[in-house]
Structures are given as structure tokens and as C-alpha cells.
Amino acid sequence: MARESKEDRATRQAQQEWQLVDVLRRAGNLVEPERPVCSERKWRVDYLILTGRRGNSPIALEIQGIGFGHHSFGAIMKTYEKNNAIAAQGWRLVQVTRAQVASGEALEALARCGVRVEAPCPHSSGQTTEGNCAKCGGTVEP
């Protein structure tokens, strides 16, 4: 099997990210990409999610890539500083990896934080109730 090129990987990851944002938006959340954290620094969060639910603080979603400068002590300290600035805004922080975005674990983590999540059902469970998917209620083709 051929190794994935950097360009192909970037395209695949962008598509997976777009699918995540699409699911969140279809579920009724406001999703703002590249939201600035504070005016004094150029920090941005990958996505700020506003659920619209009373009492829920906005959620800052950071999708971490492995090997992009987050491995040195200085880089880790800068990440902590940014995370503290996020907390100072009153936002909750959810950090996930690209693998978690691809697997659906990122949606599960967001759902545990009160984000409305509407994952598409592929009808792969095989469980049906009177010809409908037991998970989503959609029609299952024989």
C-alpha cells in the first residue's frame, strides 16, 4: 500500500473536519472557525461552539496535530498560557486529536459537554424494528 502524501493527508483531514462541523451545525449549534481568544495575542481556537442552551458556556474546540511544535517544553508552556486565556474568557476547552475527529470520538467528547450532536446513521448495526433502523428510525433496505 502506498504511503499517503502530505497533500492527500491534508485533504482527507480537511474533509473530516468539515464533516464534524457539518454535523454540529445540522444539530443546531453555531460553530465559529478560527475564533480569536484575546486581543493582546494572535491566538485563535480552531472552533468556538455556541450551543444556544441556557447556562451552557461556549466550548473552544482545539484539534491537536501531533508533531507540530507541541513537543518542546517552551511550546507546551505556550499551550498552557493559551489554555488559561481560553478559561479567562469563560469558555470550556475540549481538545481532541485528528484521529478522534476521524473516528467520531470528538463528537462523543463534545456530546458529554452538552453540545447537541446529530451523527448520521449508516444503518450498519443490522438491528431493525419493523423495517426501520433501531438507532435512527430510518428505513433499512433489505
C-alpha atoms as a PDB file:
ATOM      1  CA  MET A   1       0.000   0.000   0.000  1.00  0.00           C
ATOM      2  CA  ALA A   2       1.379   3.403  -0.988  1.00  0.00           C
ATOM      3  CA  ARG A   3       2.112   5.928   1.706  1.00  0.00           C
ATOM      4  CA  GLU A   4      -0.293   8.879   1.848  1.00  0.00           C
ATOM      5  CA  SER A   5       1.228  12.121   0.559  1.00  0.00           C
ATOM      6  CA  LYS A   6       1.167  15.281   2.678  1.00  0.00           C
ATOM      7  CA  GLU A   7      -1.286  16.852   0.236  1.00  0.00           C
ATOM      8  CA  ASP A   8      -3.607  13.831   0.334  1.00  0.00           C
ATOM      9  CA  ARG A   9      -3.444  13.740   4.144  1.00  0.00           C
ATOM     10  CA  ALA A  10      -4.263  17.462   4.366  1.00  0.00           C
ATOM     11  CA  THR A  11      -7.220  16.992   2.010  1.00  0.00           C
ATOM     12  CA  ARG A  12      -8.506  13.991   3.991  1.00  0.00           C
ATOM     13  CA  GLN A  13      -8.150  15.816   7.311  1.00  0.00           C
ATOM     14  CA  ALA A  14      -9.895  18.929   5.971  1.00  0.00           C
ATOM     15  CA  GLN A  15     -12.789  16.757   4.752  1.00  0.00           C
ATOM     16  CA  GLN A  16     -13.082  15.035   8.141  1.00  0.00           C
ATOM     17  CA  GLU A  17     -13.060  18.400   9.898  1.00  0.00           C
ATOM     18  CA  TRP A  18     -15.713  19.744   7.525  1.00  0.00           C
ATOM     19  CA  GLN A  19     -17.889  16.703   8.266  1.00  0.00           C
ATOM     20  CA  LEU A  20     -17.529  17.301  12.021  1.00  0.00           C
ATOM     21  CA  VAL A  21     -18.543  20.958  11.662  1.00  0.00           C
ATOM     22  CA  ASP A  22     -21.435  19.989   9.376  1.00  0.00           C
ATOM     23  CA  VAL A  23     -22.812  17.527  11.955  1.00  0.00           C
ATOM     24  CA  LEU A  24     -22.555  20.171  14.678  1.00  0.00           C
ATOM     25  CA  ARG A  25     -24.283  22.822  12.588  1.00  0.00           C
ATOM     26  CA  ARG A  26     -27.057  20.455  11.445  1.00  0.00           C
ATOM     27  CA  ALA A  27     -27.704  19.727  15.122  1.00  0.00           C
ATOM     28  CA  GLY A  28     -28.370  23.433  15.703  1.00  0.00           C
ATOM     29  CA  ASN A  29     -25.062  24.654  17.114  1.00  0.00           C
ATOM     30  CA  LEU A  30     -23.371  27.861  15.987  1.00  0.00           C
ATOM     31  CA  VAL A  31     -19.798  26.952  15.020  1.00  0.00           C
ATOM     32  CA  GLU A  32     -17.287  29.756  14.504  1.00  0.00           C
ATOM     33  CA  PRO A  33     -13.954  28.766  12.922  1.00  0.00           C
ATOM     34  CA  GLU A  34     -10.664  30.421  13.898  1.00  0.00           C
ATOM     35  CA  ARG A  35     -12.171  32.498  16.711  1.00  0.00           C
ATOM     36  CA  PRO A  36      -9.685  34.918  18.359  1.00  0.00           C
ATOM     37  CA  VAL A  37      -9.025  34.211  22.044  1.00  0.00           C
ATOM     38  CA  CYS A  38      -7.822  37.636  23.178  1.00  0.00           C
ATOM     39  CA  SER A  39      -6.883  40.942  21.588  1.00  0.00           C
ATOM     40  CA  GLU A  40      -3.345  41.088  23.044  1.00  0.00           C
ATOM     41  CA  ARG A  41      -2.215  37.878  21.311  1.00  0.00           C
ATOM     42  CA  LYS A  42      -2.760  36.320  17.899  1.00  0.00           C
ATOM     43  CA  TRP A  43      -4.153  33.155  19.481  1.00  0.00           C
ATOM     44  CA  ARG A  44      -7.185  31.559  17.915  1.00  0.00           C
ATOM     45  CA  VAL A  45      -9.189  28.477  18.754  1.00  0.00           C
ATOM     46  CA  ASP A  46      -9.909  26.087  15.918  1.00  0.00           C
ATOM     47  CA  TYR A  47     -13.656  26.342  16.585  1.00  0.00           C
ATOM     48  CA  LEU A  48     -15.873  28.090  19.099  1.00  0.00           C
ATOM     49  CA  ILE A  49     -19.149  26.230  19.575  1.00  0.00           C
ATOM     50  CA  LEU A  50     -22.220  28.023  20.883  1.00  0.00           C
ATOM     51  CA  THR A  51     -24.963  25.556  21.755  1.00  0.00           C
ATOM     52  CA  GLY A  52     -27.707  28.060  22.405  1.00  0.00           C
ATOM     53  CA  ARG A  53     -28.672  26.132  25.530  1.00  0.00           C
ATOM     54  CA  ARG A  54     -29.357  28.254  28.578  1.00  0.00           C
ATOM     55  CA  GLY A  55     -26.486  28.138  31.051  1.00  0.00           C
ATOM     56  CA  ASN A  56     -24.003  26.455  28.699  1.00  0.00           C
ATOM     57  CA  SER A  57     -20.716  28.266  28.280  1.00  0.00           C
ATOM     58  CA  PRO A  58     -19.202  28.400  24.795  1.00  0.00           C
ATOM     59  CA  ILE A  59     -16.893  25.495  24.028  1.00  0.00           C
ATOM     60  CA  ALA A  60     -13.486  26.071  22.473  1.00  0.00           C
ATOM     61  CA  LEU A  61     -12.562  23.066  20.332  1.00  0.00           C
ATOM     62  CA  GLU A  62      -8.892  22.521  19.614  1.00  0.00           C
ATOM     63  CA  ILE A  63      -7.895  19.814  17.156  1.00  0.00           C
ATOM     64  CA  GLN A  64      -4.341  18.832  18.005  1.00  0.00           C
ATOM     65  CA  GLY A  65      -1.955  17.616  15.368  1.00  0.00           C
ATOM     66  CA  ILE A  66       0.902  15.528  16.657  1.00  0.00           C
ATOM     67  CA  GLY A  67       4.391  16.791  15.845  1.00  0.00           C
ATOM     68  CA  PHE A  68       3.518  20.395  15.045  1.00  0.00           C
ATOM     69  CA  GLY A  69       5.638  22.164  17.646  1.00  0.00           C
ATOM     70  CA  HIS A  70       3.834  20.843  20.704  1.00  0.00           C
ATOM     71  CA  HIS A  71       6.646  18.616  21.896  1.00  0.00           C
ATOM     72  CA  SER A  72       9.170  21.041  23.406  1.00  0.00           C
ATOM     73  CA  PHE A  73       8.930  22.469  26.924  1.00  0.00           C
ATOM     74  CA  GLY A  74       8.570  26.021  25.571  1.00  0.00           C
ATOM     75  CA  ALA A  75       5.776  25.017  23.192  1.00  0.00           C
ATOM     76  CA  ILE A  76       3.937  23.202  25.961  1.00  0.00           C
ATOM     77  CA  MET A  77       4.194  26.285  28.200  1.00  0.00           C
ATOM     78  CA  LYS A  78       2.750  28.462  25.404  1.00  0.00           C
ATOM     79  CA  THR A  79      -0.112  25.998  25.013  1.00  0.00           C
ATOM     80  CA  TYR A  80      -0.817  26.231  28.754  1.00  0.00           C
ATOM     81  CA  GLU A  81      -0.790  30.029  28.525  1.00  0.00           C
ATOM     82  CA  LYS A  82      -3.276  29.910  25.645  1.00  0.00           C
ATOM     83  CA  ASN A  83      -5.472  27.408  27.523  1.00  0.00           C
ATOM     84  CA  ASN A  84      -5.539  29.745  30.532  1.00  0.00           C
ATOM     85  CA  ALA A  85      -6.562  32.640  28.262  1.00  0.00           C
ATOM     86  CA  ILE A  86      -9.403  30.460  26.942  1.00  0.00           C
ATOM     87  CA  ALA A  87     -10.537  29.777  30.521  1.00  0.00           C
ATOM     88  CA  ALA A  88     -10.338  33.515  31.324  1.00  0.00           C
ATOM     89  CA  GLN A  89     -12.916  34.075  28.546  1.00  0.00           C
ATOM     90  CA  GLY A  90     -15.289  31.758  30.416  1.00  0.00           C
ATOM     91  CA  TRP A  91     -15.096  29.148  27.680  1.00  0.00           C
ATOM     92  CA  ARG A  92     -14.796  25.422  28.252  1.00  0.00           C
ATOM     93  CA  LEU A  93     -11.982  23.705  26.379  1.00  0.00           C
ATOM     94  CA  VAL A  94     -12.224  20.388  24.543  1.00  0.00           C
ATOM     95  CA  GLN A  95      -9.008  19.085  22.983  1.00  0.00           C
ATOM     96  CA  VAL A  96      -9.086  16.215  20.510  1.00  0.00           C
ATOM     97  CA  THR A  97      -6.728  14.626  18.021  1.00  0.00           C
ATOM     98  CA  ARG A  98      -7.280  14.290  14.301  1.00  0.00           C
ATOM     99  CA  ALA A  99      -7.713  10.540  14.828  1.00  0.00           C
ATOM    100  CA  GLN A 100     -10.572  11.290  17.245  1.00  0.00           C
ATOM    101  CA  VAL A 101     -12.199  13.532  14.644  1.00  0.00           C
ATOM    102  CA  ALA A 102     -11.973  10.694  12.097  1.00  0.00           C
ATOM    103  CA  SER A 103     -13.306   8.021  14.476  1.00  0.00           C
ATOM    104  CA  GLY A 104     -16.232  10.017  15.871  1.00  0.00           C
ATOM    105  CA  GLU A 105     -14.732  10.208  19.363  1.00  0.00           C
ATOM    106  CA  ALA A 106     -14.557  14.014  19.035  1.00  0.00           C
ATOM    107  CA  LEU A 107     -18.343  14.155  18.658  1.00  0.00           C
ATOM    108  CA  GLU A 108     -18.731  11.907  21.695  1.00  0.00           C
ATOM    109  CA  ALA A 109     -16.469  14.191  23.756  1.00  0.00           C
ATOM    110  CA  LEU A 110     -18.476  17.243  22.699  1.00  0.00           C
ATOM    111  CA  ALA A 111     -21.769  15.498  23.479  1.00  0.00           C
ATOM    112  CA  ARG A 112     -20.540  14.795  27.025  1.00  0.00           C
ATOM    113  CA  CYS A 113     -20.047  18.565  27.368  1.00  0.00           C
ATOM    114  CA  GLY A 114     -23.635  19.328  26.398  1.00  0.00           C
ATOM    115  CA  VAL A 115     -23.141  20.011  22.697  1.00  0.00           C
ATOM    116  CA  ARG A 116     -26.030  18.831  20.542  1.00  0.00           C
ATOM    117  CA  VAL A 117     -24.690  16.114  18.266  1.00  0.00           C
ATOM    118  CA  GLU A 118     -26.562  14.591  15.399  1.00  0.00           C
ATOM    119  CA  ALA A 119     -24.339  11.904  13.941  1.00  0.00           C
ATOM    120  CA  PRO A 120     -25.519  10.412  10.653  1.00  0.00           C
ATOM    121  CA  CYS A 121     -26.594   6.784  10.955  1.00  0.00           C
ATOM    122  CA  PRO A 122     -25.167   4.419   8.320  1.00  0.00           C
ATOM    123  CA  HIS A 123     -27.640   1.634   9.269  1.00  0.00           C
ATOM    124  CA  SER A 124     -24.726  -0.731   9.826  1.00  0.00           C
ATOM    125  CA  SER A 125     -25.936  -2.151  13.128  1.00  0.00           C
ATOM    126  CA  GLY A 126     -28.297  -4.600  11.423  1.00  0.00           C
ATOM    127  CA  GLN A 127     -30.845  -4.061  14.204  1.00  0.00           C
ATOM    128  CA  THR A 128     -34.261  -3.239  12.844  1.00  0.00           C
ATOM    129  CA  THR A 129     -37.728  -2.706  14.212  1.00  0.00           C
ATOM    130  CA  GLU A 130     -40.417  -3.289  11.587  1.00  0.00           C
ATOM    131  CA  GLY A 131     -38.059  -2.386   8.709  1.00  0.00           C
ATOM    132  CA  ASN A 132     -36.602   0.698  10.404  1.00  0.00           C
ATOM    133  CA  CYS A 133     -33.163   1.247  11.905  1.00  0.00           C
ATOM    134  CA  ALA A 134     -33.265   0.805  15.679  1.00  0.00           C
ATOM    135  CA  LYS A 135     -30.764   3.669  16.093  1.00  0.00           C
ATOM    136  CA  CYS A 136     -32.216   6.461  13.935  1.00  0.00           C
ATOM    137  CA  GLY A 137     -35.582   5.161  12.754  1.00  0.00           C
ATOM    138  CA  GLY A 138     -34.626   5.430   9.070  1.00  0.00           C
ATOM    139  CA  THR A 139     -35.774   2.874   6.529  1.00  0.00           C
ATOM    140  CA  VAL A 140     -33.410  -0.062   6.179  1.00  0.00           C
ATOM    141  CA  GLU A 141     -33.183  -1.515   2.679  1.00  0.00           C
ATOM    142  CA  PRO A 142     -33.283  -5.341   2.600  1.00  0.00           C
END
